[in-house]
């Protein structure tokens, strides 16, 4: 059992936030990250997705991920 803190963002629309979390989580897992790190990236991507209406427009591209996240999902 572990906890991963949420991310504070100005929320516009929560549509797709769960799917965005899953995408971040799975991307990290597929890159070999552990569960806590995968949840950390999932939280980040899910939170970012809520910053614009529609659930897709605010998703971060790989280039806009913070350095820690880019390293996590780097091709191994």
N, C-alpha and C. Protein backbone atom coordinates (compact mmCIF):
# COMPACT_ATOMS: atom_id res chain seq x y z
N UNK A 1 0.84 -1.18 0.00
CA UNK A 1 0.00 0.00 0.00
C UNK A 1 0.88 1.24 0.00
N UNK A 2 0.49 2.24 -0.75
CA UNK A 2 1.25 3.48 -0.79
C UNK A 2 0.31 4.62 -1.15
N UNK A 3 0.78 5.82 -0.93
CA UNK A 3 0.02 7.03 -1.28
C UNK A 3 0.86 7.89 -2.20
N UNK A 4 0.19 8.51 -3.15
CA UNK A 4 0.85 9.44 -4.05
C UNK A 4 0.02 10.71 -4.01
N UNK A 5 0.63 11.85 -3.67
CA UNK A 5 -0.15 13.09 -3.57
C UNK A 5 -0.73 13.51 -4.91
N UNK A 6 -1.89 14.16 -4.84
CA UNK A 6 -2.51 14.72 -6.04
C UNK A 6 -1.76 15.95 -6.51
N UNK A 7 -2.18 16.47 -7.65
CA UNK A 7 -1.57 17.67 -8.22
C UNK A 7 -2.58 18.80 -8.18
N UNK A 8 -2.16 19.97 -7.76
CA UNK A 8 -3.05 21.13 -7.72
C UNK A 8 -3.02 21.84 -9.07
N UNK A 9 -4.18 21.97 -9.69
CA UNK A 9 -4.32 22.69 -10.96
C UNK A 9 -5.63 23.45 -10.94
N UNK A 10 -5.76 24.45 -11.79
CA UNK A 10 -7.03 25.16 -11.94
C UNK A 10 -7.89 24.33 -12.89
N UNK A 11 -8.92 23.71 -12.33
CA UNK A 11 -9.75 22.77 -13.09
C UNK A 11 -10.80 23.51 -13.92
N UNK A 12 -10.87 23.14 -15.20
CA UNK A 12 -11.87 23.66 -16.11
C UNK A 12 -12.92 22.59 -16.40
N UNK A 13 -12.47 21.36 -16.65
CA UNK A 13 -13.37 20.27 -17.01
C UNK A 13 -12.69 18.95 -16.65
N UNK A 14 -13.40 18.08 -15.96
CA UNK A 14 -12.82 16.81 -15.54
C UNK A 14 -13.06 15.68 -16.54
N UNK A 15 -13.66 15.98 -17.68
CA UNK A 15 -13.90 14.95 -18.69
C UNK A 15 -12.58 14.29 -19.09
N UNK A 16 -12.52 12.99 -19.00
CA UNK A 16 -11.34 12.25 -19.43
C UNK A 16 -10.20 12.20 -18.44
N UNK A 17 -10.37 12.76 -17.26
CA UNK A 17 -9.26 12.76 -16.29
C UNK A 17 -8.85 11.35 -15.88
N UNK A 18 -9.82 10.48 -15.71
CA UNK A 18 -9.50 9.09 -15.36
C UNK A 18 -8.76 8.38 -16.48
N UNK A 19 -9.22 8.60 -17.71
CA UNK A 19 -8.52 8.01 -18.86
C UNK A 19 -7.11 8.55 -18.97
N UNK A 20 -6.94 9.85 -18.72
CA UNK A 20 -5.61 10.46 -18.78
C UNK A 20 -4.71 9.88 -17.69
N UNK A 21 -5.27 9.69 -16.49
CA UNK A 21 -4.50 9.04 -15.42
C UNK A 21 -4.04 7.67 -15.88
N UNK A 22 -4.97 6.89 -16.43
CA UNK A 22 -4.63 5.54 -16.88
C UNK A 22 -3.53 5.56 -17.94
N UNK A 23 -3.59 6.51 -18.86
CA UNK A 23 -2.58 6.62 -19.91
C UNK A 23 -1.20 6.90 -19.32
N UNK A 24 -1.13 7.84 -18.38
CA UNK A 24 0.14 8.15 -17.74
C UNK A 24 0.66 6.98 -16.93
N UNK A 25 -0.22 6.34 -16.19
CA UNK A 25 0.15 5.18 -15.38
C UNK A 25 0.69 4.06 -16.26
N UNK A 26 -0.04 3.75 -17.32
CA UNK A 26 0.38 2.65 -18.19
C UNK A 26 1.66 2.97 -18.96
N UNK A 27 1.81 4.22 -19.39
CA UNK A 27 3.05 4.60 -20.08
C UNK A 27 4.25 4.38 -19.16
N UNK A 28 4.12 4.76 -17.91
CA UNK A 28 5.21 4.57 -16.96
C UNK A 28 5.46 3.08 -16.70
N UNK A 29 4.41 2.31 -16.52
CA UNK A 29 4.56 0.88 -16.29
C UNK A 29 5.24 0.19 -17.47
N UNK A 30 4.80 0.54 -18.68
CA UNK A 30 5.40 -0.07 -19.88
C UNK A 30 6.86 0.32 -20.05
N UNK A 31 7.25 1.46 -19.49
CA UNK A 31 8.64 1.89 -19.55
C UNK A 31 9.46 1.30 -18.40
N UNK A 32 8.82 0.50 -17.54
CA UNK A 32 9.54 -0.17 -16.47
C UNK A 32 9.48 0.49 -15.11
N UNK A 33 8.67 1.53 -14.95
CA UNK A 33 8.55 2.22 -13.65
C UNK A 33 7.80 1.34 -12.64
N UNK A 34 8.08 1.58 -11.38
CA UNK A 34 7.36 0.89 -10.32
C UNK A 34 5.96 1.48 -10.14
N UNK A 35 5.16 0.85 -9.29
CA UNK A 35 3.78 1.29 -9.11
C UNK A 35 3.66 2.71 -8.59
N UNK A 36 4.48 3.08 -7.61
CA UNK A 36 4.38 4.43 -7.05
C UNK A 36 4.75 5.49 -8.09
N UNK A 37 5.81 5.24 -8.85
CA UNK A 37 6.20 6.21 -9.88
C UNK A 37 5.15 6.26 -10.99
N UNK A 38 4.58 5.12 -11.34
CA UNK A 38 3.53 5.10 -12.35
C UNK A 38 2.31 5.89 -11.88
N UNK A 39 1.96 5.74 -10.61
CA UNK A 39 0.83 6.50 -10.06
C UNK A 39 1.15 7.99 -10.04
N UNK A 40 2.39 8.33 -9.76
CA UNK A 40 2.82 9.74 -9.76
C UNK A 40 2.65 10.35 -11.16
N UNK A 41 3.06 9.63 -12.18
CA UNK A 41 2.88 10.14 -13.54
C UNK A 41 1.41 10.15 -13.92
N UNK A 42 0.67 9.14 -13.52
CA UNK A 42 -0.77 9.13 -13.77
C UNK A 42 -1.46 10.33 -13.15
N UNK A 43 -1.11 10.65 -11.92
CA UNK A 43 -1.68 11.82 -11.26
C UNK A 43 -1.35 13.10 -12.03
N UNK A 44 -0.13 13.20 -12.49
CA UNK A 44 0.29 14.40 -13.22
C UNK A 44 -0.51 14.54 -14.52
N UNK A 45 -0.55 13.49 -15.33
CA UNK A 45 -1.24 13.56 -16.62
C UNK A 45 -2.74 13.76 -16.42
N UNK A 46 -3.32 13.06 -15.45
CA UNK A 46 -4.74 13.24 -15.17
C UNK A 46 -5.08 14.66 -14.75
N UNK A 47 -4.26 15.23 -13.89
CA UNK A 47 -4.50 16.61 -13.44
C UNK A 47 -4.35 17.59 -14.59
N UNK A 48 -3.31 17.41 -15.41
CA UNK A 48 -3.09 18.32 -16.53
C UNK A 48 -4.27 18.30 -17.50
N UNK A 49 -4.89 17.14 -17.67
CA UNK A 49 -5.99 17.02 -18.63
C UNK A 49 -7.21 17.84 -18.23
N UNK A 50 -7.31 18.23 -16.97
CA UNK A 50 -8.48 18.98 -16.50
C UNK A 50 -8.36 20.49 -16.72
N UNK A 51 -7.25 20.96 -17.26
CA UNK A 51 -7.02 22.39 -17.39
C UNK A 51 -7.73 23.04 -18.57
N UNK A 52 -8.36 22.24 -19.44
CA UNK A 52 -9.11 22.77 -20.58
C UNK A 52 -10.34 21.91 -20.79
N UNK A 53 -11.32 22.44 -21.47
CA UNK A 53 -12.55 21.70 -21.74
C UNK A 53 -12.29 20.55 -22.71
N UNK A 54 -12.99 19.45 -22.49
CA UNK A 54 -12.97 18.36 -23.44
C UNK A 54 -12.07 17.19 -23.13
N UNK A 55 -11.15 17.32 -22.22
CA UNK A 55 -10.35 16.19 -21.81
C UNK A 55 -9.14 15.86 -22.67
N UNK A 56 -8.96 16.54 -23.80
CA UNK A 56 -7.83 16.22 -24.67
C UNK A 56 -6.92 17.43 -24.88
N UNK A 57 -7.49 18.59 -25.00
CA UNK A 57 -6.71 19.79 -25.35
C UNK A 57 -5.60 20.14 -24.37
N UNK A 58 -5.75 19.77 -23.11
CA UNK A 58 -4.72 20.12 -22.12
C UNK A 58 -3.77 18.97 -21.81
N UNK A 59 -3.93 17.84 -22.50
CA UNK A 59 -3.00 16.73 -22.26
C UNK A 59 -1.58 17.15 -22.60
N UNK A 60 -0.62 16.82 -21.74
CA UNK A 60 0.75 17.20 -22.04
C UNK A 60 1.36 16.31 -23.12
N UNK A 61 2.06 16.90 -24.05
CA UNK A 61 2.84 16.12 -25.00
C UNK A 61 4.14 15.71 -24.31
N UNK A 62 4.85 14.78 -24.90
CA UNK A 62 6.10 14.33 -24.29
C UNK A 62 7.05 15.50 -24.06
N UNK A 63 7.12 16.42 -25.02
CA UNK A 63 8.02 17.57 -24.89
C UNK A 63 7.62 18.51 -23.77
N UNK A 64 6.37 18.50 -23.36
CA UNK A 64 5.89 19.40 -22.31
C UNK A 64 5.83 18.73 -20.94
N UNK A 65 6.24 17.48 -20.87
CA UNK A 65 6.32 16.82 -19.56
C UNK A 65 7.49 17.39 -18.78
N UNK A 66 7.38 17.44 -17.46
CA UNK A 66 8.54 17.85 -16.66
C UNK A 66 9.67 16.84 -16.87
N UNK A 67 10.88 17.26 -16.60
CA UNK A 67 12.06 16.42 -16.83
C UNK A 67 11.93 15.06 -16.13
N UNK A 68 11.43 15.04 -14.88
CA UNK A 68 11.32 13.77 -14.15
C UNK A 68 10.40 12.80 -14.90
N UNK A 69 9.35 13.32 -15.52
CA UNK A 69 8.40 12.47 -16.24
C UNK A 69 8.98 12.00 -17.58
N UNK A 70 9.70 12.88 -18.27
CA UNK A 70 10.33 12.47 -19.53
C UNK A 70 11.32 11.36 -19.30
N UNK A 71 12.09 11.45 -18.23
CA UNK A 71 13.05 10.40 -17.91
C UNK A 71 12.34 9.09 -17.61
N UNK A 72 11.20 9.18 -16.94
CA UNK A 72 10.46 7.99 -16.54
C UNK A 72 9.96 7.20 -17.74
N UNK A 73 9.54 7.89 -18.78
CA UNK A 73 8.95 7.20 -19.93
C UNK A 73 9.91 7.15 -21.13
N UNK A 74 11.16 7.45 -20.88
CA UNK A 74 12.15 7.37 -21.96
C UNK A 74 12.24 5.94 -22.47
N UNK A 75 12.46 5.80 -23.74
CA UNK A 75 12.61 4.47 -24.32
C UNK A 75 13.81 3.78 -23.72
N UNK A 76 13.60 2.58 -23.24
CA UNK A 76 14.69 1.84 -22.59
C UNK A 76 15.18 0.73 -23.49
